[in-house]
Amino acid sequence: MKQMFTVFAFTFRDGVRKKAFLVSTIIILALLLILCALPRIISALSGDGGEDDAPAVQDKICYFIDDQKLIANGREALVEAFPEWQIVAGEAAELDSYLAETAENEKYSVIVVAKQAGPDPSITVTTKNFMSGISADRVAEVLTETYVSDSLAALGAPEEAARLALLSLPVRTEMAGHMDISGYALGILLTMLMFFAIYYYGYSVSMSVALEKTSRVMETLVVSAKPSRILAGKCLATGALGLLQFTGILIFGAVCYSLLVPDGFMLFGAPLSLSAMTLSKAILICLYFLFGYGLYAVMNAACGASVSRIEDINSAMMPVMMISLISFYIGYFAALAAPTGSLIQKIAVYTPFCSPFIVPFKLLNGDVAALDVVISLALLAIAIVLLSIVSAKIYSSSVLHYGNRLKFKDFLRQRRAARLSK
């Protein structure tokens, strides 16, 4: 135990001091800060700043041309609907100059109401480009309502009939399940983060073992500690380092959200919130990260010990990389595309290689049973124990092997020869 703790302490201290750890942490935290600050910036730019808001200076001009008075009260309706715009009554003779101004300045727009072949008028809205100018959809809505209302009044329709003709019933969308836009977006983000974190720290273990072996440092280590203790100490230290960074990112993200994101901020028409992330779910997500890392780390450590040159590390890690990539895609697409409770989701939840990439998403969206989580974690723990035993044997056999990369069939041959010699 003391040997393992010594390796753990050395590896952990070395990992914390590395520039890669510090730089990646700073970059991720900065990105989180920017993402959480964006809603406040958007709210400020859109004029939702609260009590400090003052009536905006109308520096945006929209020319409204309706020489034939086809929509008699059209300009008045637009003035009421667009208080931030100066709705200027224009003349058809000056249309070319209005269009020239609009082509040069995105704060100008032109609305033309003209007679068409049918009995009803047409509306043309001109802006500098699709990202600027007055909203054509809103203009059409306002002018259509005004035209219909005026036409009904001219025909002598009762006021109640006009009201019913323009009535738009309120609609409210509710979900029977627990998935919402916030949980969905956060689930995808965490799934991606989980994959890259597990891959990155697993790769770090493999690279660390390979570097120590190629630099002959491993020969010194195995004299003072058993290879299995070295493997355990390195995997635990890198896992603790990853858990520290991963947990720090979650906490920093939650703090930034609470301080920077305005209350009631809407994302795609739905309020943005972290209601999906509770303390118990955060603990389970960290647990899945730790277990998922441990599963791949023990395999990566054995891969790192099998090479004698750093140039061979990628080819040695290729089988583990393929397993992690395929497992990620299975878990990711099963979470997003497969129906809830389907066979493919059950398989992904129970498969140790896939569960770290699907269960966090399902936890945040409330459609995973507690029993499934317990079974999934139990199977993950069993898989880690079994793979640790196999990886420790491979690590012990290959850690002082130099020359060509030790392949799995060579390891089996060595084990068979060792048993026969006893």
Protein backbone atom coordinates (compact mmCIF):
# COMPACT_ATOMS: atom_id res chain seq x y z
CA MET A 1 0.00 0.00 0.00
CA LYS A 2 2.86 2.35 0.81
CA GLN A 3 4.43 1.67 -2.60
CA MET A 4 1.19 2.48 -4.38
CA PHE A 5 0.74 5.68 -2.35
CA THR A 6 4.30 6.79 -3.18
CA VAL A 7 3.66 6.32 -6.92
CA PHE A 8 0.27 8.03 -6.53
CA ALA A 9 1.74 11.10 -4.81
CA PHE A 10 4.59 11.46 -7.31
CA THR A 11 2.30 11.08 -10.36
CA PHE A 12 -0.33 13.45 -8.97
CA ARG A 13 2.19 16.20 -8.15
CA ASP A 14 3.83 15.81 -11.54
CA GLY A 15 0.46 16.01 -13.33
CA VAL A 16 -0.68 19.15 -11.50
CA ARG A 17 2.53 20.95 -12.42
CA LYS A 18 2.34 20.15 -16.12
CA LYS A 19 1.59 23.04 -18.45
CA ALA A 20 -0.92 20.92 -20.39
CA PHE A 21 -3.08 20.50 -17.27
CA LEU A 22 -2.93 24.18 -16.33
CA VAL A 23 -3.49 25.48 -19.87
CA SER A 24 -6.38 23.11 -20.62
CA THR A 25 -8.06 24.00 -17.32
CA ILE A 26 -7.71 27.74 -17.95
CA ILE A 27 -9.04 27.43 -21.52
CA ILE A 28 -12.08 25.38 -20.48
CA LEU A 29 -12.92 27.72 -17.59
CA ALA A 30 -12.56 30.74 -19.88
CA LEU A 31 -14.91 29.16 -22.42
CA LEU A 32 -17.45 28.46 -19.67
CA LEU A 33 -17.20 32.06 -18.50
CA ILE A 34 -17.79 33.35 -22.03
CA LEU A 35 -20.72 30.99 -22.63
CA CYS A 36 -22.40 32.02 -19.37
CA ALA A 37 -21.79 35.70 -20.09
CA LEU A 38 -23.32 35.52 -23.58
CA PRO A 39 -26.98 35.49 -22.39
CA ARG A 40 -26.39 38.66 -20.36
CA ILE A 41 -24.69 40.31 -23.33
CA ILE A 42 -27.53 39.26 -25.62
CA SER A 43 -30.11 40.58 -23.15
CA ALA A 44 -28.26 43.90 -22.89
CA LEU A 45 -28.00 44.28 -26.66
CA SER A 46 -31.67 43.44 -27.13
CA GLY A 47 -32.66 46.14 -24.64
CA ASP A 48 -33.81 43.86 -21.83
CA GLY A 49 -31.68 45.60 -19.25
CA GLY A 50 -34.43 46.35 -16.74
CA GLU A 51 -34.87 49.65 -14.93
CA ASP A 52 -31.89 51.27 -16.67
CA ASP A 53 -33.61 50.98 -20.03
CA ALA A 54 -34.70 54.28 -21.52
CA PRO A 55 -36.74 54.83 -24.65
CA ALA A 56 -34.34 54.10 -27.49
CA VAL A 57 -33.32 56.86 -29.85
CA GLN A 58 -35.04 56.12 -33.14
CA ASP A 59 -32.02 56.05 -35.43
CA LYS A 60 -33.57 53.35 -37.63
CA ILE A 61 -35.76 54.61 -40.47
CA CYS A 62 -38.37 52.67 -42.42
CA TYR A 63 -40.11 54.27 -45.39
CA PHE A 64 -43.74 53.21 -45.76
CA ILE A 65 -45.22 53.72 -49.23
CA ASP A 66 -48.96 53.25 -49.77
CA ASP A 67 -49.97 55.93 -52.24
CA GLN A 68 -53.32 54.28 -52.99
CA LYS A 69 -54.24 53.92 -49.30
CA LEU A 70 -54.81 50.19 -49.74
CA ILE A 71 -54.21 49.72 -46.00
CA ALA A 72 -55.63 52.93 -44.59
CA ASN A 73 -54.29 52.61 -41.04
CA GLY A 74 -51.14 50.71 -41.98
CA ARG A 75 -48.59 53.34 -40.97
CA GLU A 76 -50.25 53.93 -37.57
CA ALA A 77 -50.25 50.19 -36.88
CA LEU A 78 -46.56 49.92 -37.76
CA VAL A 79 -45.69 52.89 -35.53
CA GLU A 80 -47.35 51.13 -32.61
CA ALA A 81 -45.79 47.73 -33.40
CA PHE A 82 -42.24 49.06 -33.98
CA PRO A 83 -41.48 51.79 -31.41
CA GLU A 84 -37.75 51.50 -32.12
CA TRP A 85 -38.25 52.46 -35.78
CA GLN A 86 -39.16 55.78 -37.38
CA ILE A 87 -41.98 54.85 -39.74
CA VAL A 88 -41.80 57.60 -42.37
CA ALA A 89 -44.58 58.10 -44.92
CA GLY A 90 -42.82 57.88 -48.26
CA GLU A 91 -43.71 58.59 -51.86
CA ALA A 92 -43.53 56.18 -54.79
CA ALA A 93 -41.66 58.77 -56.86
CA GLU A 94 -38.78 58.69 -54.36
CA LEU A 95 -38.61 54.88 -54.19
CA ASP A 96 -35.27 54.65 -56.01
CA SER A 97 -33.57 57.01 -53.56
CA TYR A 98 -35.06 55.09 -50.61
CA LEU A 99 -33.71 51.82 -52.02
CA ALA A 100 -30.28 53.39 -52.56
CA GLU A 101 -30.18 54.51 -48.92
CA THR A 102 -31.21 51.03 -47.80
CA ALA A 103 -28.48 49.41 -49.92
CA GLU A 104 -25.87 51.58 -48.17
CA ASN A 105 -27.17 51.50 -44.58
CA GLU A 106 -28.55 48.53 -42.65
CA LYS A 107 -30.56 50.91 -40.43
CA TYR A 108 -32.86 51.74 -43.35
CA SER A 109 -35.77 49.68 -44.67
CA VAL A 110 -38.56 50.18 -47.21
CA ILE A 111 -42.14 48.85 -47.13
CA VAL A 112 -44.24 49.13 -50.29
CA VAL A 113 -47.95 48.31 -50.39
CA ALA A 114 -49.13 47.92 -53.99
CA LYS A 115 -52.08 46.66 -56.01
CA GLN A 116 -51.80 43.17 -57.46
CA ALA A 117 -53.86 41.08 -59.87
CA GLY A 118 -56.27 39.88 -57.18
CA PRO A 119 -58.52 41.95 -54.96
CA ASP A 120 -56.01 42.17 -52.09
CA PRO A 121 -52.79 44.24 -51.97
CA SER A 122 -49.24 42.86 -51.80
CA ILE A 123 -46.50 43.89 -49.37
CA THR A 124 -42.81 44.22 -50.31
CA VAL A 125 -40.20 44.69 -47.58
CA THR A 126 -36.66 45.70 -48.62
CA THR A 127 -33.65 45.56 -46.28
CA LYS A 128 -29.89 45.71 -46.86
CA ASN A 129 -29.43 42.01 -46.12
CA PHE A 130 -31.18 39.11 -44.39
CA MET A 131 -29.52 39.91 -41.04
CA SER A 132 -30.56 43.56 -40.85
CA GLY A 133 -33.57 45.81 -41.26
CA ILE A 134 -37.13 45.57 -40.05
CA SER A 135 -38.70 42.14 -39.51
CA ALA A 136 -40.60 41.24 -42.69
CA ASP A 137 -42.66 38.54 -40.93
CA ARG A 138 -43.79 40.92 -38.22
CA VAL A 139 -44.58 43.64 -40.81
CA ALA A 140 -46.74 41.16 -42.76
CA GLU A 141 -48.53 40.11 -39.58
CA VAL A 142 -49.28 43.69 -38.46
CA LEU A 143 -50.41 44.93 -41.87
CA THR A 144 -52.52 41.82 -42.53
CA GLU A 145 -54.37 42.24 -39.23
CA THR A 146 -54.95 45.94 -39.99
CA TYR A 147 -56.16 45.21 -43.53
CA VAL A 148 -58.56 42.47 -42.40
CA SER A 149 -59.90 44.62 -39.56
CA ASP A 150 -60.47 47.64 -41.84
CA SER A 151 -62.07 45.49 -44.55
CA LEU A 152 -64.50 43.87 -42.10
CA ALA A 153 -65.44 47.27 -40.70
CA ALA A 154 -66.05 48.60 -44.23
CA LEU A 155 -68.34 45.66 -44.94
CA GLY A 156 -70.36 46.46 -41.84
CA ALA A 157 -69.34 43.39 -39.87
CA PRO A 158 -70.00 43.60 -36.13
CA GLU A 159 -67.03 44.49 -33.96
CA GLU A 160 -67.20 41.07 -32.30
CA ALA A 161 -66.96 39.36 -35.70
CA ALA A 162 -63.84 41.39 -36.53
CA ARG A 163 -62.32 40.45 -33.19
CA LEU A 164 -62.98 36.75 -33.78
CA ALA A 165 -61.55 36.92 -37.29
CA LEU A 166 -58.26 38.23 -35.91
CA LEU A 167 -58.25 36.05 -32.81
CA SER A 168 -55.08 34.07 -32.05
CA LEU A 169 -55.59 31.52 -29.29
CA PRO A 170 -52.79 31.27 -26.70
CA VAL A 171 -50.72 28.11 -26.90
CA ARG A 172 -48.69 26.55 -24.11
CA THR A 173 -46.40 23.59 -24.64
CA GLU A 174 -45.96 21.09 -21.81
CA MET A 175 -44.00 17.84 -21.71
CA ALA A 176 -45.12 14.67 -20.02
CA GLY A 177 -41.50 13.55 -19.72
CA HIS A 178 -38.62 15.29 -17.98
CA MET A 179 -36.57 16.28 -21.04
CA ASP A 180 -36.32 20.00 -21.80
CA ILE A 181 -34.01 22.09 -23.94
CA SER A 182 -31.68 22.85 -21.01
CA GLY A 183 -31.32 19.20 -19.96
CA TYR A 184 -30.90 18.16 -23.59
CA ALA A 185 -28.16 20.72 -24.32
CA LEU A 186 -26.39 20.09 -21.01
CA GLY A 187 -26.60 16.33 -21.56
CA ILE A 188 -24.95 16.58 -24.99
CA LEU A 189 -22.27 18.90 -23.63
CA LEU A 190 -21.47 16.56 -20.71
CA THR A 191 -21.42 13.49 -22.98
CA MET A 192 -18.85 15.18 -25.22
CA LEU A 193 -16.85 16.38 -22.22
CA MET A 194 -16.96 12.89 -20.68
CA PHE A 195 -15.57 11.29 -23.84
CA PHE A 196 -12.72 13.77 -24.29
CA ALA A 197 -11.82 13.67 -20.58
CA ILE A 198 -11.75 9.86 -20.47
CA TYR A 199 -9.76 9.71 -23.69
CA TYR A 200 -7.33 12.46 -22.67
CA TYR A 201 -6.53 11.07 -19.21
CA GLY A 202 -6.36 7.50 -20.47
CA TYR A 203 -3.87 8.66 -23.09
CA SER A 204 -1.91 10.47 -20.36
CA VAL A 205 -1.53 7.22 -18.40
CA SER A 206 -0.33 5.36 -21.48
CA MET A 207 2.13 8.11 -22.43
CA SER A 208 3.47 8.37 -18.87
CA VAL A 209 4.17 4.63 -18.70
CA ALA A 210 5.77 4.63 -22.16
CA LEU A 211 8.02 7.59 -21.33
CA GLU A 212 9.23 6.00 -18.09
CA LYS A 213 9.91 2.75 -19.89
CA THR A 214 11.79 4.29 -22.85
CA SER A 215 13.83 6.53 -20.52
CA ARG A 216 14.71 3.49 -18.35
CA VAL A 217 13.17 5.13 -15.28
CA MET A 218 10.92 2.08 -15.01
CA GLU A 219 13.93 -0.10 -14.23
CA THR A 220 14.47 1.97 -11.07
CA LEU A 221 10.81 1.93 -10.15
CA VAL A 222 10.34 -1.84 -10.36
CA VAL A 223 13.21 -2.34 -7.92
CA SER A 224 11.38 -0.39 -5.20
CA ALA A 225 7.76 -1.26 -6.08
CA LYS A 226 5.88 -4.11 -7.66
CA PRO A 227 4.66 -3.47 -11.25
CA SER A 228 1.04 -3.98 -10.19
CA ARG A 229 1.45 -1.29 -7.48
CA ILE A 230 2.98 1.09 -10.02
CA LEU A 231 0.06 0.48 -12.38
CA ALA A 232 -2.52 1.08 -9.63
CA GLY A 233 -0.74 4.19 -8.32
CA LYS A 234 -0.47 5.77 -11.77
CA CYS A 235 -4.08 5.04 -12.74
CA LEU A 236 -5.45 6.31 -9.41
CA ALA A 237 -3.31 9.47 -9.49
CA THR A 238 -4.29 10.40 -13.04
CA GLY A 239 -7.92 9.58 -12.23
CA ALA A 240 -7.80 11.83 -9.17
CA LEU A 241 -6.29 14.57 -11.32
CA GLY A 242 -9.03 14.17 -13.90
CA LEU A 243 -11.75 14.08 -11.25
CA LEU A 244 -10.34 17.26 -9.71
CA GLN A 245 -10.45 19.05 -13.07
CA PHE A 246 -13.84 17.62 -14.07
CA THR A 247 -15.46 18.51 -10.72
CA GLY A 248 -13.87 21.96 -10.78
CA ILE A 249 -15.33 22.58 -14.24
CA LEU A 250 -18.82 21.55 -13.07
CA ILE A 251 -18.65 23.77 -9.98
CA PHE A 252 -17.23 26.74 -11.90
CA GLY A 253 -19.92 26.33 -14.56
CA ALA A 254 -22.67 26.28 -11.92
CA VAL A 255 -21.26 29.41 -10.22
CA CYS A 256 -20.96 31.28 -13.54
CA TYR A 257 -24.50 30.28 -14.45
CA SER A 258 -25.94 31.53 -11.14
CA LEU A 259 -24.04 34.84 -11.32
CA LEU A 260 -24.13 35.70 -15.02
CA VAL A 261 -27.17 34.14 -16.72
CA PRO A 262 -30.25 36.41 -16.31
CA ASP A 263 -33.37 34.93 -14.76
CA GLY A 264 -35.87 33.76 -17.33
CA PHE A 265 -33.41 33.88 -20.25
CA MET A 266 -34.97 32.09 -23.21
CA LEU A 267 -33.14 29.58 -25.42
CA PHE A 268 -35.06 28.59 -28.58
CA GLY A 269 -38.26 29.79 -26.93
CA ALA A 270 -37.71 27.85 -23.69
CA PRO A 271 -36.32 29.17 -20.39
CA LEU A 272 -32.67 28.28 -19.80
CA SER A 273 -32.15 26.65 -16.42
CA LEU A 274 -29.99 24.14 -14.57
CA SER A 275 -32.95 22.49 -12.86
CA ALA A 276 -31.93 19.19 -14.48
CA MET A 277 -28.62 19.20 -12.57
CA THR A 278 -29.16 18.27 -8.91
CA LEU A 279 -26.49 17.40 -6.33
CA SER A 280 -27.26 13.67 -6.49
CA LYS A 281 -27.05 13.67 -10.30
CA ALA A 282 -23.78 15.62 -10.20
CA ILE A 283 -22.29 13.01 -7.83
CA LEU A 284 -23.44 10.17 -10.08
CA ILE A 285 -22.01 11.90 -13.16
CA CYS A 286 -18.64 12.29 -11.41
CA LEU A 287 -18.83 8.63 -10.41
CA TYR A 288 -19.44 7.60 -14.02
CA PHE A 289 -16.51 9.73 -15.09
CA LEU A 290 -14.25 8.06 -12.52
CA PHE A 291 -15.41 4.55 -13.40
CA GLY A 292 -15.27 5.22 -17.14
CA TYR A 293 -11.78 6.63 -16.83
CA GLY A 294 -10.66 3.66 -14.70
CA LEU A 295 -11.98 1.17 -17.25
CA TYR A 296 -10.00 2.67 -20.12
CA ALA A 297 -6.97 3.75 -18.07
CA VAL A 298 -5.97 0.22 -17.02
CA MET A 299 -6.08 -0.88 -20.68
CA ASN A 300 -4.11 2.18 -21.81
CA ALA A 301 -1.45 1.59 -19.15
CA ALA A 302 -0.89 -1.94 -20.45
CA CYS A 303 -0.64 -0.52 -23.99
CA GLY A 304 1.98 2.00 -22.85
CA ALA A 305 4.06 -0.72 -21.19
CA SER A 306 4.03 -2.87 -24.34
CA VAL A 307 6.11 -0.42 -26.44
CA SER A 308 9.83 0.28 -26.37
CA ARG A 309 9.66 3.44 -28.49
CA ILE A 310 7.36 6.45 -28.14
CA GLU A 311 6.70 6.29 -31.89
CA ASP A 312 4.81 3.01 -31.37
CA ILE A 313 2.42 4.35 -28.72
CA ASN A 314 -0.39 5.28 -31.15
CA SER A 315 -0.41 1.90 -32.86
CA ALA A 316 -0.36 0.15 -29.47
CA MET A 317 -3.30 2.24 -28.28
CA MET A 318 -5.32 1.79 -31.48
CA PRO A 319 -7.49 -1.13 -30.20
CA VAL A 320 -8.43 0.79 -27.03
CA MET A 321 -9.07 3.97 -29.06
CA MET A 322 -11.38 2.07 -31.42
CA ILE A 323 -13.28 0.52 -28.51
CA SER A 324 -13.74 3.94 -26.85
CA LEU A 325 -14.80 5.63 -30.11
CA ILE A 326 -17.32 2.93 -31.06
CA SER A 327 -18.68 2.84 -27.50
CA PHE A 328 -19.05 6.63 -27.50
CA TYR A 329 -21.02 6.65 -30.75
CA ILE A 330 -23.25 3.79 -29.61
CA GLY A 331 -24.00 5.56 -26.32
CA TYR A 332 -24.41 8.98 -27.96
CA PHE A 333 -26.80 7.90 -30.71
CA ALA A 334 -28.69 5.53 -28.41
CA ALA A 335 -29.32 8.44 -26.04
CA LEU A 336 -30.44 10.85 -28.78
CA ALA A 337 -32.11 8.72 -31.44
CA ALA A 338 -33.33 5.49 -29.88
CA PRO A 339 -36.78 5.44 -28.21
CA THR A 340 -36.73 5.57 -24.43
CA GLY A 341 -36.58 2.09 -22.94
CA SER A 342 -35.65 0.46 -26.26
CA LEU A 343 -33.42 -2.59 -26.45
CA ILE A 344 -30.44 -0.65 -27.80
CA GLN A 345 -30.65 1.81 -24.90
CA LYS A 346 -30.81 -1.03 -22.38
CA ILE A 347 -27.76 -2.66 -23.96
CA ALA A 348 -25.84 0.64 -23.98
CA VAL A 349 -26.74 1.38 -20.34
CA TYR A 350 -25.62 -2.07 -19.17
CA THR A 351 -22.49 -2.35 -21.34
CA PRO A 352 -19.53 -1.06 -19.25
CA PHE A 353 -17.74 0.45 -22.26
CA CYS A 354 -20.83 2.46 -23.32
CA SER A 355 -22.53 3.37 -20.03
CA PRO A 356 -20.26 6.35 -19.14
CA PHE A 357 -21.38 8.01 -22.40
CA ILE A 358 -25.15 7.41 -22.19
CA VAL A 359 -26.16 7.35 -18.52
CA PRO A 360 -25.12 10.99 -17.71
CA PHE A 361 -27.36 12.20 -20.57
CA LYS A 362 -30.27 10.06 -19.39
CA LEU A 363 -29.75 11.19 -15.78
CA LEU A 364 -30.10 14.84 -16.77
CA ASN A 365 -33.26 14.11 -18.74
CA GLY A 366 -34.92 11.97 -16.10
CA ASP A 367 -35.62 8.85 -18.13
CA VAL A 368 -33.39 6.25 -16.45
CA ALA A 369 -34.57 4.02 -13.63
CA ALA A 370 -32.65 3.86 -10.35
CA LEU A 371 -32.28 0.09 -10.74
CA ASP A 372 -30.68 0.57 -14.16
CA VAL A 373 -28.13 2.97 -12.64
CA VAL A 374 -27.29 0.51 -9.85
CA ILE A 375 -26.87 -2.40 -12.29
CA SER A 376 -24.85 -0.24 -14.67
CA LEU A 377 -22.44 0.91 -11.94
CA ALA A 378 -22.11 -2.64 -10.60
CA LEU A 379 -21.23 -4.00 -14.06
CA LEU A 380 -18.75 -1.14 -14.54
CA ALA A 381 -17.06 -1.96 -11.23
CA ILE A 382 -16.86 -5.68 -12.10
CA ALA A 383 -15.41 -4.86 -15.53
CA ILE A 384 -12.79 -2.60 -13.96
CA VAL A 385 -11.72 -5.31 -11.50
CA LEU A 386 -11.47 -7.98 -14.21
CA LEU A 387 -9.62 -5.73 -16.66
CA SER A 388 -7.32 -4.52 -13.88
CA ILE A 389 -6.27 -8.11 -13.15
CA VAL A 390 -5.59 -8.83 -16.82
CA SER A 391 -3.87 -5.46 -17.39
CA ALA A 392 -1.69 -5.90 -14.30
CA LYS A 393 -0.45 -9.24 -15.65
CA ILE A 394 0.23 -7.74 -19.09
CA TYR A 395 1.91 -4.74 -17.46
CA SER A 396 4.11 -6.94 -15.25
CA SER A 397 5.17 -9.07 -18.23
CA SER A 398 5.87 -6.23 -20.63
CA VAL A 399 7.15 -3.40 -18.44
CA LEU A 400 10.79 -4.55 -18.77
CA HIS A 401 10.38 -6.00 -22.25
CA TYR A 402 12.48 -4.16 -24.85
CA GLY A 403 12.72 -4.57 -28.60
CA ASN A 404 9.65 -5.15 -30.72
CA ARG A 405 6.27 -4.24 -29.23
CA LEU A 406 4.89 -7.04 -27.08
CA LYS A 407 1.67 -8.19 -28.72
CA PHE A 408 -1.16 -9.95 -26.94
CA LYS A 409 -0.37 -13.32 -28.53
CA ASP A 410 3.24 -12.95 -27.35
CA PHE A 411 1.98 -12.28 -23.82
CA LEU A 412 -0.16 -15.43 -23.93
CA ARG A 413 2.84 -17.42 -25.13
CA GLN A 414 4.94 -16.07 -22.25
CA ARG A 415 2.25 -16.94 -19.70
CA ARG A 416 1.93 -20.47 -21.12
CA ALA A 417 5.70 -20.98 -20.99
CA ALA A 418 5.84 -19.68 -17.39
CA ARG A 419 3.15 -22.12 -16.31
CA LEU A 420 4.91 -25.06 -17.98
CA SER A 421 8.22 -24.22 -16.36
CA LYS A 422 6.76 -24.43 -12.86
